[in-house]
């Protein structure tokens, strides 16, 4: 298996593919700032539990040189005192509690989420362990800009307890996926995946612990790829307005 502390190796590319090859961390000339000039990408994060993926995302933006040219400008949690909230306090990231138990419906919760992220002027919203199903209103408020991390190799084992589902199915390979959020749960466009072996006798805790370091590495890359896709589309629309197609051979939308 690949060791994460090895020097990045050049990614192989298909010469018929006009999209750039990806390696992580990305080379400095390919660093992503969200297609907004030189300013960092503004990220909003949603979390319900321990918040280790939230912290990994923050660290990716602060590690010199930053692996991701972004800033987490707001964390929203729905469980008072959860680990993610405590991490935000330690990391100095603004955090807002929106307890779902105090909202009359999922739609009402999503409405206050939209208002919070709009006020923070976020470019992308990242669901990093958000244990609530979101409604179309949130998805439509951030089209192609709502990213989720799921602990399975989608499209297998969607929904709750993906690790338990994988063990019950007897698979020998599991992992995690970063994908865009769609109205069907865990069915949006896949951005990036990583795999780990399932070992004989694995418990939920053991398999989840093996997946977790990949989640920490994969989430910043998935956010980077989502931002890069937005940048390509924006450039495509600008080029189409000038009578050109960008990138060559690909539709602008």
Protein backbone atom coordinates (compact mmCIF):
# COMPACT_ATOMS: atom_id res chain seq x y z
CA UNK A 1 0.00 0.00 0.00
CA UNK A 2 1.11 3.56 -0.58
CA UNK A 3 2.81 5.29 2.33
CA UNK A 4 1.43 8.74 2.94
CA UNK A 5 4.86 10.14 3.92
CA UNK A 6 6.45 9.33 0.56
CA UNK A 7 7.27 12.14 -1.83
CA UNK A 8 4.43 12.75 -4.32
CA UNK A 9 4.91 10.92 -7.57
CA UNK A 10 3.85 12.36 -10.91
CA UNK A 11 0.33 11.27 -11.79
CA UNK A 12 -0.16 9.32 -14.99
CA UNK A 13 -2.56 10.88 -17.45
CA UNK A 14 -4.60 9.72 -20.38
CA UNK A 15 -3.42 11.71 -23.43
CA UNK A 16 -6.99 11.76 -24.73
CA UNK A 17 -8.15 13.54 -21.57
CA UNK A 18 -8.01 17.33 -21.64
CA UNK A 19 -8.50 17.66 -17.88
CA UNK A 20 -5.33 18.06 -15.77
CA UNK A 21 -3.90 15.07 -13.94
CA UNK A 22 -4.25 15.17 -10.18
CA UNK A 23 -1.74 14.43 -7.46
CA UNK A 24 -1.97 15.27 -3.76
CA UNK A 25 -0.73 17.56 -2.46
CA UNK A 26 -1.22 19.44 -5.68
CA UNK A 27 1.85 21.10 -7.20
CA UNK A 28 2.10 24.83 -6.29
CA UNK A 29 1.14 25.99 -9.79
CA UNK A 30 -2.14 24.06 -9.53
CA UNK A 31 -3.12 25.24 -6.07
CA UNK A 32 -6.80 26.07 -5.82
CA UNK A 33 -8.21 29.38 -4.68
CA UNK A 34 -11.77 28.75 -5.80
CA UNK A 35 -11.60 30.59 -9.09
CA UNK A 36 -11.90 33.91 -7.27
CA UNK A 37 -8.58 35.49 -8.18
CA UNK A 38 -5.95 35.14 -5.50
CA UNK A 39 -8.24 35.14 -2.48
CA UNK A 40 -8.58 31.89 -0.49
CA UNK A 41 -11.65 29.75 -0.96
CA UNK A 42 -14.15 30.42 1.83
CA UNK A 43 -15.39 27.15 3.36
CA UNK A 44 -18.34 26.40 5.60
CA UNK A 45 -18.34 23.06 7.43
CA UNK A 46 -21.17 21.04 8.98
CA UNK A 47 -20.37 18.46 11.68
CA UNK A 48 -22.25 16.48 14.31
CA UNK A 49 -19.63 14.43 16.14
CA UNK A 50 -15.97 14.25 17.07
CA UNK A 51 -14.84 16.59 14.28
CA UNK A 52 -11.54 14.97 13.30
CA UNK A 53 -12.26 15.52 9.61
CA UNK A 54 -13.13 19.14 10.29
CA UNK A 55 -9.76 19.55 12.00
CA UNK A 56 -7.96 17.79 9.13
CA UNK A 57 -9.55 20.25 6.71
CA UNK A 58 -8.48 23.23 8.83
CA UNK A 59 -4.94 21.85 9.06
CA UNK A 60 -4.76 21.44 5.27
CA UNK A 61 -5.48 25.16 4.90
CA UNK A 62 -2.90 26.20 7.50
CA UNK A 63 0.03 23.87 6.79
CA UNK A 64 2.88 25.86 5.20
CA UNK A 65 2.72 25.93 2.27
CA UNK A 66 -1.04 25.30 2.40
CA UNK A 67 -2.15 22.14 0.62
CA UNK A 68 -5.47 23.89 0.03
CA UNK A 69 -5.69 27.64 -0.52
CA UNK A 70 -8.79 28.07 1.58
CA UNK A 71 -10.07 29.25 4.93
CA UNK A 72 -12.72 27.59 7.08
CA UNK A 73 -14.78 30.65 7.97
CA UNK A 74 -17.63 28.90 9.80
CA UNK A 75 -18.35 25.57 11.46
CA UNK A 76 -21.98 24.67 12.17
CA UNK A 77 -22.76 21.90 14.64
CA UNK A 78 -26.10 20.46 15.67
CA UNK A 79 -25.08 18.74 18.92
CA UNK A 80 -24.17 21.01 21.87
CA UNK A 81 -20.70 20.36 23.24
CA UNK A 82 -19.74 17.88 20.52
CA UNK A 83 -16.08 17.25 19.74
CA UNK A 84 -16.21 19.35 16.59
CA UNK A 85 -17.36 22.38 18.60
CA UNK A 86 -14.50 21.87 21.06
CA UNK A 87 -11.99 21.59 18.22
CA UNK A 88 -13.31 24.82 16.69
CA UNK A 89 -12.73 26.64 19.98
CA UNK A 90 -9.17 25.32 20.15
CA UNK A 91 -8.46 26.14 16.49
CA UNK A 92 -10.03 29.59 16.62
CA UNK A 93 -12.66 28.84 13.97
CA UNK A 94 -16.05 30.59 14.33
CA UNK A 95 -18.67 28.03 15.37
CA UNK A 96 -22.44 28.27 15.43
CA UNK A 97 -24.75 25.80 17.17
CA UNK A 98 -27.96 25.03 15.27
CA UNK A 99 -29.61 22.30 17.34
CA UNK A 100 -31.94 20.31 15.09
CA UNK A 101 -34.06 19.43 18.13
CA UNK A 102 -35.14 23.07 18.35
CA UNK A 103 -36.32 23.21 14.73
CA UNK A 104 -39.80 22.08 13.67
CA UNK A 105 -38.62 20.29 10.52
CA UNK A 106 -35.62 19.41 8.36
CA UNK A 107 -36.62 22.22 6.01
CA UNK A 108 -36.56 24.72 8.89
CA UNK A 109 -33.10 23.52 9.94
CA UNK A 110 -31.80 23.85 6.39
CA UNK A 111 -33.26 27.34 6.12
CA UNK A 112 -31.22 28.55 9.09
CA UNK A 113 -28.15 26.71 7.73
CA UNK A 114 -28.50 28.58 4.43
CA UNK A 115 -28.83 31.89 6.25
CA UNK A 116 -25.73 31.19 8.36
CA UNK A 117 -23.57 30.24 5.37
CA UNK A 118 -24.87 33.12 3.29
CA UNK A 119 -23.98 35.54 6.07
CA UNK A 120 -20.48 34.02 6.20
CA UNK A 121 -20.18 34.39 2.39
CA UNK A 122 -18.95 30.84 1.86
CA UNK A 123 -17.93 29.47 -1.54
CA UNK A 124 -18.28 25.77 -0.67
CA UNK A 125 -20.07 23.88 2.10
CA UNK A 126 -18.52 20.66 3.42
CA UNK A 127 -20.48 18.00 5.29
CA UNK A 128 -17.80 16.42 7.51
CA UNK A 129 -19.77 13.96 9.60
CA UNK A 130 -23.14 15.74 9.47
CA UNK A 131 -25.58 13.10 10.69
CA UNK A 132 -28.73 14.64 9.25
CA UNK A 133 -30.35 14.16 5.84
CA UNK A 134 -30.46 17.50 4.05
CA UNK A 135 -33.37 18.79 1.99
CA UNK A 136 -33.43 20.05 -1.62
CA UNK A 137 -33.47 23.63 -0.35
CA UNK A 138 -29.91 23.34 1.00
CA UNK A 139 -28.71 21.43 -2.07
CA UNK A 140 -30.21 24.01 -4.43
CA UNK A 141 -28.80 26.90 -2.40
CA UNK A 142 -25.28 25.58 -3.10
CA UNK A 143 -25.47 23.82 -6.49
CA UNK A 144 -22.31 21.77 -7.16
CA UNK A 145 -20.93 23.42 -4.01
CA UNK A 146 -22.13 20.99 -1.31
CA UNK A 147 -19.54 18.29 -0.59
CA UNK A 148 -19.95 15.19 1.58
CA UNK A 149 -17.56 12.59 3.01
CA UNK A 150 -18.92 9.03 3.30
CA UNK A 151 -17.14 6.01 4.85
CA UNK A 152 -17.62 3.52 2.02
CA UNK A 153 -16.68 3.00 -1.59
CA UNK A 154 -19.84 4.44 -3.10
CA UNK A 155 -22.16 3.48 -4.70
CA UNK A 156 -21.89 0.57 -2.24
CA UNK A 157 -23.27 0.93 1.30
CA UNK A 158 -25.08 4.24 1.18
CA UNK A 159 -26.77 5.71 4.23
CA UNK A 160 -26.27 5.00 7.91
CA UNK A 161 -23.67 2.60 9.33
CA UNK A 162 -21.76 2.14 6.10
CA UNK A 163 -18.93 0.41 7.96
CA UNK A 164 -21.35 -2.07 9.53
CA UNK A 165 -23.00 -2.65 6.16
CA UNK A 166 -19.62 -3.46 4.60
CA UNK A 167 -18.79 -5.95 7.34
CA UNK A 168 -22.21 -7.60 7.10
CA UNK A 169 -21.76 -7.99 3.34
CA UNK A 170 -18.42 -9.73 3.80
CA UNK A 171 -16.48 -7.49 1.42
CA UNK A 172 -12.68 -7.60 1.45
CA UNK A 173 -12.22 -3.97 0.42
CA UNK A 174 -13.75 -0.84 1.92
CA UNK A 175 -12.79 2.83 2.10
CA UNK A 176 -14.23 6.30 1.81
CA UNK A 177 -15.64 8.65 -0.81
CA UNK A 178 -15.87 12.41 -1.21
CA UNK A 179 -18.80 13.34 -3.45
CA UNK A 180 -21.14 16.15 -4.35
CA UNK A 181 -24.49 16.04 -2.58
CA UNK A 182 -27.63 15.24 -4.57
CA UNK A 183 -31.25 14.78 -3.56
CA UNK A 184 -30.75 11.01 -3.43
CA UNK A 185 -28.71 10.13 -0.34
CA UNK A 186 -25.03 9.40 -1.09
CA UNK A 187 -25.69 9.27 -4.84
CA UNK A 188 -24.07 12.51 -6.05
CA UNK A 189 -21.12 12.72 -8.41
CA UNK A 190 -18.02 11.07 -6.96
CA UNK A 191 -15.00 13.35 -6.66
CA UNK A 192 -12.38 10.99 -5.21
CA UNK A 193 -12.13 7.66 -3.36
CA UNK A 194 -9.58 5.69 -1.36
CA UNK A 195 -9.60 2.02 -0.34
CA UNK A 196 -8.41 -0.08 2.59
CA UNK A 197 -8.50 -3.86 3.13
CA UNK A 198 -11.10 -5.45 5.37
CA UNK A 199 -9.22 -7.91 7.56
CA UNK A 200 -10.61 -11.16 9.00
CA UNK A 201 -12.22 -10.53 12.36
CA UNK A 202 -12.49 -6.76 11.88
CA UNK A 203 -14.94 -5.00 14.17
CA UNK A 204 -16.73 -1.78 13.27
CA UNK A 205 -14.26 0.12 15.41
CA UNK A 206 -11.21 -1.49 13.81
CA UNK A 207 -12.36 -0.95 10.24
CA UNK A 208 -13.49 2.62 10.96
CA UNK A 209 -10.08 3.34 12.52
CA UNK A 210 -8.36 2.03 9.38
CA UNK A 211 -10.52 4.23 7.15
CA UNK A 212 -10.19 7.39 9.23
CA UNK A 213 -6.64 8.42 8.19
CA UNK A 214 -7.74 8.15 4.56
CA UNK A 215 -10.71 10.40 5.31
CA UNK A 216 -8.36 13.03 6.74
CA UNK A 217 -6.25 12.94 3.59
CA UNK A 218 -9.11 12.62 1.12
CA UNK A 219 -11.44 15.38 2.32
CA UNK A 220 -9.11 18.32 1.51
CA UNK A 221 -8.41 16.77 -1.89
CA UNK A 222 -12.14 16.34 -2.58
CA UNK A 223 -12.77 19.98 -1.65
CA UNK A 224 -9.90 20.98 -3.93
CA UNK A 225 -11.38 19.01 -6.83
CA UNK A 226 -14.86 20.46 -6.26
CA UNK A 227 -13.41 23.97 -6.31
CA UNK A 228 -11.34 23.18 -9.38
CA UNK A 229 -14.45 21.91 -11.20
CA UNK A 230 -16.23 25.16 -10.38
CA UNK A 231 -13.24 27.09 -11.73
CA UNK A 232 -13.28 25.10 -15.00
CA UNK A 233 -17.01 25.77 -15.44
CA UNK A 234 -16.57 29.48 -14.75
CA UNK A 235 -13.76 29.68 -17.29
CA UNK A 236 -15.86 27.71 -19.74
CA UNK A 237 -18.72 30.16 -19.46
CA UNK A 238 -16.36 33.10 -19.92
CA UNK A 239 -14.74 31.45 -22.93
CA UNK A 240 -18.12 30.54 -24.42
CA UNK A 241 -19.12 34.18 -24.14
CA UNK A 242 -16.08 34.98 -26.30
CA UNK A 243 -16.96 32.29 -28.85
CA UNK A 244 -14.48 29.70 -27.49
CA UNK A 245 -14.84 26.39 -25.71
CA UNK A 246 -12.86 25.62 -22.54
CA UNK A 247 -11.27 23.23 -21.98
CA UNK A 248 -10.83 22.09 -25.62
CA UNK A 249 -13.08 19.24 -26.58
CA UNK A 250 -15.24 19.48 -23.43
CA UNK A 251 -18.63 21.14 -22.99
CA UNK A 252 -18.54 24.31 -20.94
CA UNK A 253 -21.24 23.10 -18.52
